[in-house]
Structures are given as structure tokens and as C-alpha cells.
């Protein structure tokens, strides 16, 4: 059994009185922005009141969504809502892996996706790396004691001069961190937990094949525009009160984007979806769409495959 929330669609009727709050949350799980989700939930409430009804069916909800959101967005929202209902009945753990370079919005997207899917366990490869730092000295495993874009500095001088130290150091650090990542995923699956894991070290092609006993979704978040990417560091600095040194990230932005190019290339080689984060709500919606698409593939697969 899994530990994820299992909730029917909040349509009212025998499932209990209609709740616009629950409806807004279900609509947000489709990737619809929270404000628009609440506006549509209010529209449903007004429609029920006008008709003297206590429940709405999906066909009527579809009509209201088109009126409120437009034909394309309304139809997409209800299609995703149907998939969300199917997902609630899927009795296997869900593991969502959100990779991408530093400063692309991975943690925000991961947290929002977890909330909308009813997943309570969210962690990062940075947390795994920090745990490893406590157990392994810089002399024993030097790479984990550096930021991802600084790991090349842990290499011996001969290795730094032989090739691309930025990539070589990052890959060495990633290989070490993924030992802990694999253990975390395996423990979650043993316990039947769903989880969302984000981090720069989730490089496509370096993780093991996903187990058949879980719905595993892997995406990579990227930002094509360098100015937009830089702006994310200013936003993060303001939101965290300067916990992370802004100047360091801006000074190393070229290196960070070099790692992004590598990760995106690896994603394309492995057919892992790349989600552009030019707009956070749209990016969340794209990730949700990938989750629902993977769910449909899993449901259509022959038993035992």
C-alpha cells in the first residue's frame, strides 16, 4: 500500500457537499494557476446554486471550464482532471525526479508538484550531499565538499589540466551523490512512500532503470535565456535573505550554464523531457502533464511488463 492521499474528485453529491476549496485544489493539481483554479471553483459553486443542484458532473464542469478558461485551456484542464482522478486510484508509489542546473527553479517546481499530487516527502540531492559531507572527510571524498559548479577544484592538478575540469569534477561528485540518492529511492519504495526528489545531480543516463513497482517520472528543468537565469538568483537571494552568496552564483553563471547545456544534452539522449521555466505556473503544468502521461503509459502496459 502507498502512503499518498487518495481522494475522489470533489464534485459534491454522495461524496459530500460541494467544496470550492477542495475543487480548487483538485484543479490546481492539473497545473492550473491557483487563482484561476479558485475562480473556476467559484464558477461551479454559482452554477450549482443557480440550478439548485448539489453535485456537478464532469461534462457540465467541462462546459464551465471552457467558458471560464477558453476552449483549449478548459479542455486541457478537464482532461488532466480526469487523469488526476485516475492517478488517485493508482496504488503504487510515485517518484518524481526534477533535475536541472543551479538556479532554474527546481526546488519551487518540486515543492508545488508534491503539494498538488498529495506527496508529503520532498528532498534534494543537496541534502544527500550535505549528509555525505558529515560522514566523509574532504581528504577521503573531496568532490562532495564543493558546489556542483566548483567540483573541478577538487581534482588533482593533472586531471584539471587534462580535459574539462568543470564537467569531470561535476560527474565525479554526481557519481558519489547518486549512491545516496539510490538508497533514498529504494527505501521509499520498500516502505511504499511516494516522494519528489530534486537536484542538479539527477543527470539522465546516470540513474538506474526505474523499478516496475513504482510510477517514476524524470524531468529536467532549464532556462534558455541567460538574463532570466541570472534573475532567478536575485529572486532567490531576496527570498532567503542572502543565505546563499549572490555574487558567487553570478560570477560563476557561465559555468552553471555550461553544466545546464550538458544536462540538457544528456536528457535529450535519454528521451527525458526538458521543461523550460520561463513561467513558473506553465512549467508546473508541463511537469504535471508528464506525470499524467507516464501514468497513462503505465496503465496501458501489459501486466508484469
Protein backbone atom coordinates (compact mmCIF):
# COMPACT_ATOMS: atom_id res chain seq x y z
CA UNK A 1 0.00 0.00 0.00
CA UNK A 2 1.12 3.57 -0.69
CA UNK A 3 1.05 6.49 1.74
CA UNK A 4 -0.13 9.09 -0.77
CA UNK A 5 -3.50 10.80 -0.23
CA UNK A 6 -6.34 9.10 -2.13
CA UNK A 7 -9.25 11.48 -2.63
CA UNK A 8 -12.22 11.30 -5.03
CA UNK A 9 -12.92 14.27 -7.25
CA UNK A 10 -14.81 16.86 -5.15
CA UNK A 11 -17.91 17.01 -7.35
CA UNK A 12 -20.42 17.02 -4.49
CA UNK A 13 -23.41 14.69 -4.15
CA UNK A 14 -22.88 11.34 -2.46
CA UNK A 15 -19.23 12.19 -1.87
CA UNK A 16 -20.31 15.02 0.46
CA UNK A 17 -21.30 18.65 -0.05
CA UNK A 18 -19.56 20.59 -2.77
CA UNK A 19 -16.45 22.41 -1.51
CA UNK A 20 -14.90 25.14 -3.63
CA UNK A 21 -11.69 24.80 -1.64
CA UNK A 22 -11.34 21.10 -2.46
CA UNK A 23 -12.32 21.75 -6.07
CA UNK A 24 -9.71 24.50 -6.38
CA UNK A 25 -7.04 22.15 -5.00
CA UNK A 26 -8.01 19.41 -7.47
CA UNK A 27 -7.94 21.90 -10.34
CA UNK A 28 -4.54 23.18 -9.20
CA UNK A 29 -3.30 19.59 -9.43
CA UNK A 30 -3.85 19.83 -13.19
CA UNK A 31 -1.27 22.63 -13.33
CA UNK A 32 -3.86 25.41 -13.43
CA UNK A 33 -2.62 28.54 -11.59
CA UNK A 34 -4.09 28.76 -8.09
CA UNK A 35 -6.03 31.96 -8.76
CA UNK A 36 -7.61 30.58 -11.93
CA UNK A 37 -8.39 27.30 -10.16
CA UNK A 38 -10.24 29.15 -7.40
CA UNK A 39 -12.11 31.29 -9.91
CA UNK A 40 -13.35 28.20 -11.73
CA UNK A 41 -14.31 26.57 -8.40
CA UNK A 42 -16.34 29.70 -7.58
CA UNK A 43 -17.99 29.50 -11.00
CA UNK A 44 -19.01 25.90 -10.26
CA UNK A 45 -20.46 26.95 -6.90
CA UNK A 46 -22.53 29.69 -8.58
CA UNK A 47 -23.75 27.24 -11.22
CA UNK A 48 -24.84 24.72 -8.59
CA UNK A 49 -26.70 27.42 -6.69
CA UNK A 50 -28.45 28.66 -9.85
CA UNK A 51 -29.57 25.14 -10.78
CA UNK A 52 -30.50 24.14 -7.24
CA UNK A 53 -28.16 21.16 -7.54
CA UNK A 54 -25.76 19.65 -5.01
CA UNK A 55 -23.34 17.98 -7.43
CA UNK A 56 -21.74 18.60 -10.79
CA UNK A 57 -20.72 16.03 -13.40
CA UNK A 58 -17.58 16.25 -15.49
CA UNK A 59 -19.49 17.11 -18.66
CA UNK A 60 -21.01 20.21 -17.06
CA UNK A 61 -17.64 21.06 -15.47
CA UNK A 62 -16.09 20.82 -18.93
CA UNK A 63 -18.58 23.36 -20.29
CA UNK A 64 -17.91 25.75 -17.42
CA UNK A 65 -14.14 25.36 -17.81
CA UNK A 66 -14.37 26.31 -21.48
CA UNK A 67 -16.49 29.36 -20.64
CA UNK A 68 -14.10 30.44 -17.88
CA UNK A 69 -10.72 29.49 -19.40
CA UNK A 70 -11.30 29.28 -23.15
CA UNK A 71 -11.67 26.21 -25.33
CA UNK A 72 -8.07 24.99 -25.41
CA UNK A 73 -7.17 25.61 -21.78
CA UNK A 74 -10.55 24.49 -20.49
CA UNK A 75 -10.46 21.19 -22.37
CA UNK A 76 -6.85 20.59 -21.28
CA UNK A 77 -7.75 21.25 -17.65
CA UNK A 78 -10.61 18.76 -17.60
CA UNK A 79 -8.56 16.16 -19.47
CA UNK A 80 -5.88 16.48 -16.81
CA UNK A 81 -8.53 16.40 -14.07
CA UNK A 82 -9.75 13.04 -15.38
CA UNK A 83 -6.17 11.80 -15.32
CA UNK A 84 -5.77 13.17 -11.81
CA UNK A 85 -8.77 11.09 -10.74
CA UNK A 86 -7.19 8.00 -12.31
CA UNK A 87 -3.90 8.79 -10.58
CA UNK A 88 -5.65 8.84 -7.21
CA UNK A 89 -6.65 5.21 -7.78
CA UNK A 90 -3.16 4.08 -8.77
CA UNK A 91 -1.91 2.02 -5.85
CA UNK A 92 1.83 2.28 -6.49
CA UNK A 93 4.31 4.83 -5.16
CA UNK A 94 5.05 7.88 -7.29
CA UNK A 95 8.65 9.09 -7.56
CA UNK A 96 9.14 12.40 -9.35
CA UNK A 97 12.74 13.36 -10.17
CA UNK A 98 13.32 17.03 -11.04
CA UNK A 99 16.81 17.65 -12.41
CA UNK A 100 18.47 20.71 -13.87
CA UNK A 101 21.26 23.19 -13.27
CA UNK A 102 21.56 25.51 -10.28
CA UNK A 103 19.08 28.39 -10.24
CA UNK A 104 16.50 27.00 -12.68
CA UNK A 105 13.65 26.80 -10.15
CA UNK A 106 13.84 23.07 -9.45
CA UNK A 107 13.01 23.31 -5.76
CA UNK A 108 9.97 25.55 -6.31
CA UNK A 109 8.61 23.27 -9.02
CA UNK A 110 9.31 20.14 -6.96
CA UNK A 111 7.52 21.55 -3.90
CA UNK A 112 4.48 22.62 -5.93
CA UNK A 113 4.25 19.31 -7.79
CA UNK A 114 4.45 17.40 -4.49
CA UNK A 115 1.69 19.55 -2.99
CA UNK A 116 -0.60 19.08 -5.97
CA UNK A 117 -0.06 15.32 -6.02
CA UNK A 118 -0.57 14.98 -2.26
CA UNK A 119 3.03 13.83 -1.71
CA UNK A 120 4.48 14.78 1.67
CA UNK A 121 8.11 13.73 1.15
CA UNK A 122 10.25 16.22 -0.75
CA UNK A 123 14.03 16.17 -0.61
CA UNK A 124 17.04 17.25 -2.63
CA UNK A 125 20.36 15.86 -3.79
CA UNK A 126 21.96 18.82 -1.98
CA UNK A 127 20.61 17.35 1.26
CA UNK A 128 22.12 13.97 0.36
CA UNK A 129 25.44 15.66 -0.42
CA UNK A 130 25.39 17.57 2.86
CA UNK A 131 24.77 14.32 4.75
CA UNK A 132 27.71 12.72 2.96
CA UNK A 133 29.92 15.66 3.99
CA UNK A 134 29.24 14.80 7.62
CA UNK A 135 30.45 11.22 7.13
CA UNK A 136 33.31 11.61 4.64
CA UNK A 137 36.23 13.98 5.14
CA UNK A 138 37.49 16.25 2.33
CA UNK A 139 40.58 14.06 2.14
CA UNK A 140 38.54 10.89 1.57
CA UNK A 141 35.77 12.17 -0.77
CA UNK A 142 36.81 15.69 -1.77
CA UNK A 143 34.24 16.29 -4.52
CA UNK A 144 31.19 16.36 -2.22
CA UNK A 145 32.68 19.28 -0.27
CA UNK A 146 32.27 21.65 -3.22
CA UNK A 147 29.32 23.18 -5.05
CA UNK A 148 28.37 21.37 -8.27
CA UNK A 149 29.97 24.08 -10.43
CA UNK A 150 33.12 24.14 -8.27
CA UNK A 151 33.73 20.38 -8.01
CA UNK A 152 36.51 20.57 -10.60
CA UNK A 153 38.62 22.31 -7.99
CA UNK A 154 38.69 19.04 -6.03
CA UNK A 155 40.52 17.28 -8.86
CA UNK A 156 44.28 16.70 -8.80
CA UNK A 157 46.20 19.21 -10.89
CA UNK A 158 46.95 16.65 -13.62
CA UNK A 159 43.23 15.90 -14.11
CA UNK A 160 42.31 19.58 -14.15
CA UNK A 161 44.75 20.17 -16.99
CA UNK A 162 43.82 17.07 -18.99
CA UNK A 163 40.28 17.95 -20.07
CA UNK A 164 37.18 19.86 -18.96
CA UNK A 165 37.64 20.04 -15.17
CA UNK A 166 34.18 21.53 -14.65
CA UNK A 167 32.44 18.50 -16.19
CA UNK A 168 34.88 15.91 -14.84
CA UNK A 169 34.56 17.25 -11.29
CA UNK A 170 30.78 17.50 -11.56
CA UNK A 171 30.46 13.94 -12.85
CA UNK A 172 32.68 12.61 -10.07
CA UNK A 173 30.59 14.45 -7.48
CA UNK A 174 27.37 13.23 -9.13
CA UNK A 175 28.51 9.60 -9.07
CA UNK A 176 29.19 9.90 -5.33
CA UNK A 177 25.92 11.66 -4.51
CA UNK A 178 23.85 9.20 -6.55
CA UNK A 179 24.91 6.41 -4.20
CA UNK A 180 22.86 8.13 -1.51
CA UNK A 181 20.08 9.03 -3.93
CA UNK A 182 19.62 5.40 -4.98
CA UNK A 183 19.44 4.36 -1.33
CA UNK A 184 16.80 7.02 -0.61
CA UNK A 185 14.65 5.91 -3.53
CA UNK A 186 14.99 2.25 -2.63
CA UNK A 187 13.98 2.93 0.98
CA UNK A 188 10.94 4.91 -0.17
CA UNK A 189 9.81 2.08 -2.44
CA UNK A 190 10.34 -0.53 0.27
CA UNK A 191 8.05 1.47 2.56
CA UNK A 192 5.54 2.29 -0.20
CA UNK A 193 6.24 6.02 0.06
CA UNK A 194 5.78 8.49 -2.74
CA UNK A 195 8.44 11.18 -2.98
CA UNK A 196 9.67 14.11 -5.02
CA UNK A 197 13.42 14.48 -5.34
CA UNK A 198 15.11 17.46 -6.96
CA UNK A 199 18.70 18.35 -7.66
CA UNK A 200 21.45 19.07 -10.14
CA UNK A 201 22.82 15.55 -9.68
CA UNK A 202 19.77 13.87 -11.25
CA UNK A 203 21.55 13.56 -14.58
CA UNK A 204 19.66 11.48 -17.15
CA UNK A 205 21.50 8.30 -18.00
CA UNK A 206 23.29 8.12 -14.66
CA UNK A 207 20.36 6.83 -12.62
CA UNK A 208 19.37 3.13 -12.61
CA UNK A 209 16.42 1.87 -14.61
CA UNK A 210 13.13 2.76 -12.86
CA UNK A 211 11.62 -0.16 -10.93
CA UNK A 212 8.38 -1.67 -12.20
CA UNK A 213 6.74 -1.32 -8.78
CA UNK A 214 6.55 2.48 -8.97
CA UNK A 215 5.49 5.31 -11.22
CA UNK A 216 8.81 7.07 -11.82
CA UNK A 217 8.84 10.38 -13.66
CA UNK A 218 12.05 12.18 -14.57
CA UNK A 219 12.16 15.72 -15.97
CA UNK A 220 14.90 18.30 -16.40
CA UNK A 221 14.20 22.00 -15.81
CA UNK A 222 16.09 24.54 -17.90
CA UNK A 223 16.17 28.27 -18.65
CA UNK A 224 17.31 29.17 -22.17
CA UNK A 225 17.60 32.91 -21.59
CA UNK A 226 20.75 33.81 -19.65
CA UNK A 227 19.31 37.08 -18.29
CA UNK A 228 16.23 35.25 -16.97
CA UNK A 229 18.50 32.64 -15.41
CA UNK A 230 20.52 35.36 -13.67
CA UNK A 231 17.32 36.98 -12.42
CA UNK A 232 16.42 33.75 -10.59
CA UNK A 233 19.46 34.22 -8.37
CA UNK A 234 18.35 37.75 -7.45
CA UNK A 235 14.88 36.43 -6.60
CA UNK A 236 16.32 33.59 -4.52
CA UNK A 237 18.65 35.99 -2.72
CA UNK A 238 15.72 38.23 -1.77
CA UNK A 239 13.56 35.30 -0.69
CA UNK A 240 16.25 33.72 1.51
CA UNK A 241 17.70 36.88 2.97
CA UNK A 242 21.07 36.29 1.35
CA UNK A 243 21.69 32.84 2.84
CA UNK A 244 23.45 31.89 -0.40
CA UNK A 245 26.04 34.36 -1.70
CA UNK A 246 24.57 36.06 -4.75
CA UNK A 247 27.90 37.26 -6.09
CA UNK A 248 29.33 33.73 -6.23
CA UNK A 249 26.48 32.45 -8.41
CA UNK A 250 26.55 35.43 -10.74
CA UNK A 251 30.32 35.19 -11.08
CA UNK A 252 30.05 31.50 -11.98
CA UNK A 253 26.93 31.82 -14.16
CA UNK A 254 28.88 30.80 -17.25
CA UNK A 255 29.97 27.57 -15.55
CA UNK A 256 26.45 26.93 -14.28
CA UNK A 257 25.07 27.31 -17.79
CA UNK A 258 27.80 25.05 -19.16
CA UNK A 259 26.54 22.36 -16.78
CA UNK A 260 22.98 23.11 -17.90
CA UNK A 261 23.97 22.52 -21.53
CA UNK A 262 25.48 19.17 -20.57
CA UNK A 263 22.46 18.07 -18.52
CA UNK A 264 20.01 19.10 -21.25
CA UNK A 265 22.06 17.21 -23.86
CA UNK A 266 22.00 14.11 -21.68
CA UNK A 267 18.24 14.49 -21.20
CA UNK A 268 17.69 14.56 -24.95
CA UNK A 269 19.88 11.48 -25.42
CA UNK A 270 17.81 9.64 -22.80
CA UNK A 271 14.42 10.96 -24.00
CA UNK A 272 13.87 12.70 -20.66
CA UNK A 273 11.51 15.69 -21.05
CA UNK A 274 13.11 19.13 -20.76
CA UNK A 275 10.77 21.73 -19.23
CA UNK A 276 11.58 25.38 -19.92
CA UNK A 277 10.96 27.53 -16.85
CA UNK A 278 10.14 30.86 -18.44
CA UNK A 279 6.89 30.94 -16.44
CA UNK A 280 6.65 29.00 -13.19
CA UNK A 281 2.95 28.09 -13.47
CA UNK A 282 3.37 26.88 -17.03
CA UNK A 283 6.44 24.86 -16.01
CA UNK A 284 4.50 23.22 -13.17
CA UNK A 285 1.69 22.42 -15.61
CA UNK A 286 4.15 20.80 -18.02
CA UNK A 287 5.61 18.63 -15.27
CA UNK A 288 2.10 17.57 -14.22
CA UNK A 289 1.35 16.68 -17.85
CA UNK A 290 4.46 14.49 -17.94
CA UNK A 291 3.28 12.74 -14.74
CA UNK A 292 -0.16 12.07 -16.22
CA UNK A 293 1.35 10.90 -19.49
CA UNK A 294 3.61 8.46 -17.67
CA UNK A 295 0.61 7.23 -15.69
CA UNK A 296 -1.29 6.53 -18.92
CA UNK A 297 1.71 4.56 -20.24
CA UNK A 298 1.87 2.53 -17.04
CA UNK A 299 -1.87 1.80 -17.14
CA UNK A 300 -1.64 0.68 -20.78
CA UNK A 301 1.38 -1.59 -20.24
CA UNK A 302 0.70 -5.35 -20.14
CA UNK A 303 0.61 -6.86 -16.67
CA UNK A 304 4.05 -7.88 -15.47
CA UNK A 305 5.91 -5.76 -18.01
